[in-house]
PDB file of N, CA and C in Angstrom:
ATOM      1  N   UNK A   1     -30.500  37.163  17.880  1.00  0.00           N
ATOM      2  CA  UNK A   1     -30.774  35.786  18.276  1.00  0.00           C
ATOM      3  C   UNK A   1     -31.468  35.807  19.639  1.00  0.00           C
ATOM      4  N   UNK A   2     -32.513  34.998  19.790  1.00  0.00           N
ATOM      5  CA  UNK A   2     -33.238  34.943  21.055  1.00  0.00           C
ATOM      6  C   UNK A   2     -32.617  33.915  21.998  1.00  0.00           C
ATOM      7  N   UNK A   3     -32.954  34.051  23.257  1.00  0.00           N
ATOM      8  CA  UNK A   3     -32.433  33.125  24.267  1.00  0.00           C
ATOM      9  C   UNK A   3     -33.039  31.742  24.075  1.00  0.00           C
ATOM     10  N   UNK A   4     -32.274  30.736  24.461  1.00  0.00           N
ATOM     11  CA  UNK A   4     -32.766  29.361  24.391  1.00  0.00           C
ATOM     12  C   UNK A   4     -33.886  29.162  25.412  1.00  0.00           C
ATOM     13  N   UNK A   5     -34.917  28.470  25.023  1.00  0.00           N
ATOM     14  CA  UNK A   5     -36.077  28.184  25.883  1.00  0.00           C
ATOM     15  C   UNK A   5     -35.758  27.093  26.905  1.00  0.00           C
ATOM     16  N   UNK A   6     -34.893  26.130  26.525  1.00  0.00           N
ATOM     17  CA  UNK A   6     -34.579  24.987  27.375  1.00  0.00           C
ATOM     18  C   UNK A   6     -33.150  25.076  27.893  1.00  0.00           C
ATOM     19  N   UNK A   7     -32.885  24.397  29.005  1.00  0.00           N
ATOM     20  CA  UNK A   7     -31.573  24.431  29.653  1.00  0.00           C
ATOM     21  C   UNK A   7     -30.899  23.073  29.576  1.00  0.00           C
ATOM     22  N   UNK A   8     -29.567  23.074  29.666  1.00  0.00           N
ATOM     23  CA  UNK A   8     -28.801  21.826  29.702  1.00  0.00           C
ATOM     24  C   UNK A   8     -29.280  21.001  30.894  1.00  0.00           C
ATOM     25  N   UNK A   9     -29.519  19.718  30.667  1.00  0.00           N
ATOM     26  CA  UNK A   9     -29.994  18.815  31.708  1.00  0.00           C
ATOM     27  C   UNK A   9     -31.504  18.666  31.755  1.00  0.00           C
ATOM     28  N   UNK A  10     -32.225  19.568  31.111  1.00  0.00           N
ATOM     29  CA  UNK A  10     -33.686  19.508  31.103  1.00  0.00           C
ATOM     30  C   UNK A  10     -34.165  18.357  30.221  1.00  0.00           C
ATOM     31  N   UNK A  11     -35.222  17.671  30.649  1.00  0.00           N
ATOM     32  CA  UNK A  11     -35.817  16.582  29.865  1.00  0.00           C
ATOM     33  C   UNK A  11     -36.983  17.166  29.071  1.00  0.00           C
ATOM     34  N   UNK A  12     -36.979  16.886  27.766  1.00  0.00           N
ATOM     35  CA  UNK A  12     -37.984  17.435  26.854  1.00  0.00           C
ATOM     36  C   UNK A  12     -38.559  16.328  25.978  1.00  0.00           C
ATOM     37  N   UNK A  13     -39.683  16.612  25.339  1.00  0.00           N
ATOM     38  CA  UNK A  13     -40.252  15.730  24.320  1.00  0.00           C
ATOM     39  C   UNK A  13     -39.719  16.183  22.972  1.00  0.00           C
ATOM     40  N   UNK A  14     -39.368  15.228  22.130  1.00  0.00           N
ATOM     41  CA  UNK A  14     -38.816  15.504  20.801  1.00  0.00           C
ATOM     42  C   UNK A  14     -39.737  14.941  19.733  1.00  0.00           C
ATOM     43  N   UNK A  15     -40.122  15.783  18.789  1.00  0.00           N
ATOM     44  CA  UNK A  15     -40.936  15.368  17.640  1.00  0.00           C
ATOM     45  C   UNK A  15     -40.176  15.755  16.380  1.00  0.00           C
ATOM     46  N   UNK A  16     -39.515  14.776  15.729  1.00  0.00           N
ATOM     47  CA  UNK A  16     -38.661  15.092  14.588  1.00  0.00           C
ATOM     48  C   UNK A  16     -39.388  15.571  13.335  1.00  0.00           C
ATOM     49  N   UNK A  17     -40.674  15.354  13.232  1.00  0.00           N
ATOM     50  CA  UNK A  17     -41.404  15.765  12.037  1.00  0.00           C
ATOM     51  C   UNK A  17     -41.385  14.684  10.973  1.00  0.00           C
ATOM     52  N   UNK A  18     -42.055  14.931   9.882  1.00  0.00           N
ATOM     53  CA  UNK A  18     -42.204  13.942   8.804  1.00  0.00           C
ATOM     54  C   UNK A  18     -40.895  13.497   8.187  1.00  0.00           C
ATOM     55  N   UNK A  19     -39.996  14.432   7.991  1.00  0.00           N
ATOM     56  CA  UNK A  19     -38.783  14.135   7.242  1.00  0.00           C
ATOM     57  C   UNK A  19     -37.582  13.864   8.136  1.00  0.00           C
ATOM     58  N   UNK A  20     -37.760  13.904   9.438  1.00  0.00           N
ATOM     59  CA  UNK A  20     -36.665  13.647  10.368  1.00  0.00           C
ATOM     60  C   UNK A  20     -36.449  12.161  10.584  1.00  0.00           C
ATOM     61  N   UNK A  21     -35.287  11.829  11.116  1.00  0.00           N
ATOM     62  CA  UNK A  21     -34.966  10.439  11.446  1.00  0.00           C
ATOM     63  C   UNK A  21     -35.889   9.973  12.568  1.00  0.00           C
ATOM     64  N   UNK A  22     -36.475   8.814  12.434  1.00  0.00           N
ATOM     65  CA  UNK A  22     -37.418   8.293  13.423  1.00  0.00           C
ATOM     66  C   UNK A  22     -36.789   8.259  14.810  1.00  0.00           C
ATOM     67  N   UNK A  23     -37.557   8.638  15.790  1.00  0.00           N
ATOM     68  CA  UNK A  23     -37.086   8.659  17.169  1.00  0.00           C
ATOM     69  C   UNK A  23     -37.564   7.407  17.891  1.00  0.00           C
ATOM     70  N   UNK A  24     -36.678   6.781  18.649  1.00  0.00           N
ATOM     71  CA  UNK A  24     -37.018   5.597  19.437  1.00  0.00           C
ATOM     72  C   UNK A  24     -37.921   5.999  20.600  1.00  0.00           C
ATOM     73  N   UNK A  25     -37.620   7.132  21.178  1.00  0.00           N
ATOM     74  CA  UNK A  25     -38.336   7.626  22.347  1.00  0.00           C
ATOM     75  C   UNK A  25     -38.699   9.077  22.089  1.00  0.00           C
ATOM     76  N   UNK A  26     -39.676   9.587  22.779  1.00  0.00           N
ATOM     77  CA  UNK A  26     -39.981  11.021  22.689  1.00  0.00           C
ATOM     78  C   UNK A  26     -39.208  11.788  23.751  1.00  0.00           C
ATOM     79  N   UNK A  27     -38.750  11.117  24.783  1.00  0.00           N
ATOM     80  CA  UNK A  27     -38.116  11.777  25.924  1.00  0.00           C
ATOM     81  C   UNK A  27     -36.601  11.878  25.732  1.00  0.00           C
ATOM     82  N   UNK A  28     -36.110  13.107  25.706  1.00  0.00           N
ATOM     83  CA  UNK A  28     -34.686  13.376  25.488  1.00  0.00           C
ATOM     84  C   UNK A  28     -34.184  14.375  26.519  1.00  0.00           C
ATOM     85  N   UNK A  29     -32.896  14.318  26.785  1.00  0.00           N
ATOM     86  CA  UNK A  29     -32.261  15.266  27.696  1.00  0.00           C
ATOM     87  C   UNK A  29     -31.430  16.246  26.871  1.00  0.00           C
ATOM     88  N   UNK A  30     -31.503  17.533  27.230  1.00  0.00           N
ATOM     89  CA  UNK A  30     -30.692  18.555  26.575  1.00  0.00           C
ATOM     90  C   UNK A  30     -29.246  18.377  27.033  1.00  0.00           C
ATOM     91  N   UNK A  31     -28.341  18.170  26.074  1.00  0.00           N
ATOM     92  CA  UNK A  31     -26.927  17.948  26.368  1.00  0.00           C
ATOM     93  C   UNK A  31     -26.123  19.237  26.196  1.00  0.00           C
ATOM     94  N   UNK A  32     -26.471  20.015  25.168  1.00  0.00           N
ATOM     95  CA  UNK A  32     -25.715  21.233  24.891  1.00  0.00           C
ATOM     96  C   UNK A  32     -26.579  22.217  24.112  1.00  0.00           C
ATOM     97  N   UNK A  33     -26.379  23.514  24.354  1.00  0.00           N
ATOM     98  CA  UNK A  33     -27.043  24.560  23.584  1.00  0.00           C
ATOM     99  C   UNK A  33     -26.187  24.860  22.363  1.00  0.00           C
ATOM    100  N   UNK A  34     -26.823  24.982  21.210  1.00  0.00           N
ATOM    101  CA  UNK A  34     -26.121  25.258  19.957  1.00  0.00           C
ATOM    102  C   UNK A  34     -26.617  26.578  19.372  1.00  0.00           C
ATOM    103  N   UNK A  35     -25.845  27.168  18.457  1.00  0.00           N
ATOM    104  CA  UNK A  35     -26.286  28.415  17.818  1.00  0.00           C
ATOM    105  C   UNK A  35     -27.553  28.203  16.986  1.00  0.00           C
ATOM    106  N   UNK A  36     -28.280  29.282  16.792  1.00  0.00           N
ATOM    107  CA  UNK A  36     -29.503  29.238  15.986  1.00  0.00           C
ATOM    108  C   UNK A  36     -29.168  29.020  14.519  1.00  0.00           C
ATOM    109  N   UNK A  37     -30.103  28.397  13.820  1.00  0.00           N
ATOM    110  CA  UNK A  37     -29.995  28.229  12.364  1.00  0.00           C
ATOM    111  C   UNK A  37     -31.340  28.593  11.764  1.00  0.00           C
ATOM    112  N   UNK A  38     -31.342  29.551  10.876  1.00  0.00           N
ATOM    113  CA  UNK A  38     -32.595  29.975  10.262  1.00  0.00           C
ATOM    114  C   UNK A  38     -33.567  30.567  11.264  1.00  0.00           C
ATOM    115  N   UNK A  39     -33.061  31.202  12.307  1.00  0.00           N
ATOM    116  CA  UNK A  39     -33.910  31.836  13.309  1.00  0.00           C
ATOM    117  C   UNK A  39     -34.461  30.892  14.363  1.00  0.00           C
ATOM    118  N   UNK A  40     -34.070  29.620  14.319  1.00  0.00           N
ATOM    119  CA  UNK A  40     -34.558  28.618  15.277  1.00  0.00           C
ATOM    120  C   UNK A  40     -33.378  28.115  16.114  1.00  0.00           C
ATOM    121  N   UNK A  41     -33.427  28.324  17.433  1.00  0.00           N
ATOM    122  CA  UNK A  41     -32.358  27.827  18.304  1.00  0.00           C
ATOM    123  C   UNK A  41     -32.216  26.322  18.143  1.00  0.00           C
ATOM    124  N   UNK A  42     -30.997  25.829  18.332  1.00  0.00           N
ATOM    125  CA  UNK A  42     -30.734  24.399  18.202  1.00  0.00           C
ATOM    126  C   UNK A  42     -30.135  23.840  19.488  1.00  0.00           C
ATOM    127  N   UNK A  43     -30.294  22.525  19.649  1.00  0.00           N
ATOM    128  CA  UNK A  43     -29.828  21.818  20.839  1.00  0.00           C
ATOM    129  C   UNK A  43     -29.221  20.483  20.437  1.00  0.00           C
ATOM    130  N   UNK A  44     -28.275  20.030  21.228  1.00  0.00           N
ATOM    131  CA  UNK A  44     -27.806  18.645  21.109  1.00  0.00           C
ATOM    132  C   UNK A  44     -28.588  17.894  22.178  1.00  0.00           C
ATOM    133  N   UNK A  45     -29.271  16.808  21.777  1.00  0.00           N
ATOM    134  CA  UNK A  45     -30.119  16.051  22.693  1.00  0.00           C
ATOM    135  C   UNK A  45     -29.715  14.582  22.693  1.00  0.00           C
ATOM    136  N   UNK A  46     -30.087  13.880  23.769  1.00  0.00           N
ATOM    137  CA  UNK A  46     -29.712  12.463  23.920  1.00  0.00           C
ATOM    138  C   UNK A  46     -30.845  11.725  24.615  1.00  0.00           C
ATOM    139  N   UNK A  47     -31.176  10.559  24.056  1.00  0.00           N
ATOM    140  CA  UNK A  47     -32.148   9.658  24.675  1.00  0.00           C
ATOM    141  C   UNK A  47     -31.388   8.544  25.375  1.00  0.00           C
ATOM    142  N   UNK A  48     -31.886   8.094  26.495  1.00  0.00           N
ATOM    143  CA  UNK A  48     -31.268   6.965  27.196  1.00  0.00           C
ATOM    144  C   UNK A  48     -31.412   5.682  26.376  1.00  0.00           C
ATOM    145  N   UNK A  49     -32.353   5.656  25.430  1.00  0.00           N
ATOM    146  CA  UNK A  49     -32.604   4.464  24.613  1.00  0.00           C
ATOM    147  C   UNK A  49     -31.721   4.408  23.365  1.00  0.00           C
ATOM    148  N   UNK A  50     -30.903   5.440  23.140  1.00  0.00           N
ATOM    149  CA  UNK A  50     -30.055   5.491  21.948  1.00  0.00           C
ATOM    150  C   UNK A  50     -28.598   5.679  22.342  1.00  0.00           C
ATOM    151  N   UNK A  51     -27.701   5.236  21.480  1.00  0.00           N
ATOM    152  CA  UNK A  51     -26.264   5.341  21.765  1.00  0.00           C
ATOM    153  C   UNK A  51     -25.645   6.599  21.171  1.00  0.00           C
ATOM    154  N   UNK A  52     -26.434   7.412  20.500  1.00  0.00           N
ATOM    155  CA  UNK A  52     -25.909   8.608  19.833  1.00  0.00           C
ATOM    156  C   UNK A  52     -26.714   9.836  20.234  1.00  0.00           C
ATOM    157  N   UNK A  53     -26.153  11.008  19.933  1.00  0.00           N
ATOM    158  CA  UNK A  53     -26.833  12.269  20.183  1.00  0.00           C
ATOM    159  C   UNK A  53     -27.438  12.783  18.883  1.00  0.00           C
ATOM    160  N   UNK A  54     -28.432  13.627  19.013  1.00  0.00           N
ATOM    161  CA  UNK A  54     -29.094  14.237  17.859  1.00  0.00           C
ATOM    162  C   UNK A  54     -28.996  15.757  17.977  1.00  0.00           C
ATOM    163  N   UNK A  55     -29.184  16.431  16.867  1.00  0.00           N
ATOM    164  CA  UNK A  55     -29.333  17.885  16.874  1.00  0.00           C
ATOM    165  C   UNK A  55     -30.796  18.167  16.570  1.00  0.00           C
ATOM    166  N   UNK A  56     -31.420  18.982  17.416  1.00  0.00           N
ATOM    167  CA  UNK A  56     -32.841  19.296  17.248  1.00  0.00           C
ATOM    168  C   UNK A  56     -33.044  20.802  17.287  1.00  0.00           C
ATOM    169  N   UNK A  57     -34.015  21.264  16.517  1.00  0.00           N
ATOM    170  CA  UNK A  57     -34.402  22.666  16.550  1.00  0.00           C
ATOM    171  C   UNK A  57     -35.392  22.872  17.691  1.00  0.00           C
ATOM    172  N   UNK A  58     -35.398  24.082  18.218  1.00  0.00           N
ATOM    173  CA  UNK A  58     -36.288  24.389  19.332  1.00  0.00           C
ATOM    174  C   UNK A  58     -37.749  24.112  18.973  1.00  0.00           C
ATOM    175  N   UNK A  59     -38.112  24.326  17.719  1.00  0.00           N
ATOM    176  CA  UNK A  59     -39.492  24.093  17.279  1.00  0.00           C
ATOM    177  C   UNK A  59     -39.875  22.612  17.307  1.00  0.00           C
ATOM    178  N   UNK A  60     -38.893  21.709  17.408  1.00  0.00           N
ATOM    179  CA  UNK A  60     -39.156  20.263  17.476  1.00  0.00           C
ATOM    180  C   UNK A  60     -39.250  19.763  18.916  1.00  0.00           C
ATOM    181  N   UNK A  61     -39.028  20.655  19.874  1.00  0.00           N
ATOM    182  CA  UNK A  61     -38.996  20.265  21.284  1.00  0.00           C
ATOM    183  C   UNK A  61     -40.142  20.901  22.054  1.00  0.00           C
ATOM    184  N   UNK A  62     -40.588  20.211  23.087  1.00  0.00           N
ATOM    185  CA  UNK A  62     -41.581  20.783  23.995  1.00  0.00           C
ATOM    186  C   UNK A  62     -41.262  20.335  25.414  1.00  0.00           C
ATOM    187  N   UNK A  63     -41.647  21.165  26.350  1.00  0.00           N
ATOM    188  CA  UNK A  63     -41.401  20.886  27.760  1.00  0.00           C
ATOM    189  C   UNK A  63     -42.245  19.702  28.213  1.00  0.00           C
ATOM    190  N   UNK A  64     -41.694  18.851  29.063  1.00  0.00           N
ATOM    191  CA  UNK A  64     -42.440  17.701  29.596  1.00  0.00           C
ATOM    192  C   UNK A  64     -43.656  18.169  30.386  1.00  0.00           C
ATOM    193  N   UNK A  65     -43.611  19.337  30.983  1.00  0.00           N
ATOM    194  CA  UNK A  65     -44.728  19.828  31.792  1.00  0.00           C
ATOM    195  C   UNK A  65     -45.884  20.349  30.935  1.00  0.00           C
ATOM    196  N   UNK A  66     -45.665  20.495  29.620  1.00  0.00           N
ATOM    197  CA  UNK A  66     -46.722  20.972  28.720  1.00  0.00           C
ATOM    198  C   UNK A  66     -47.696  19.869  28.348  1.00  0.00           C
ATOM    199  N   UNK A  67     -47.394  18.613  28.727  1.00  0.00           N
ATOM    200  CA  UNK A  67     -48.228  17.475  28.322  1.00  0.00           C
ATOM    201  C   UNK A  67     -49.104  17.011  29.444  1.00  0.00           C
TER     202      UNK A  67
END
């Protein structure tokens, strides 16, 4: 398993993809690091615009500084 690219507290952009639940915002904060699934690290993320947390794969996230 590879190391997580993002850290707890980091703000990232989230793109759920075609089949994912629609996102209210693209900007999310990393809440917790989760184990990898299918070779892709996972994260628990939270938007200030939503009352719930989501689970996202690393491939669905990008650093805010990359934009």
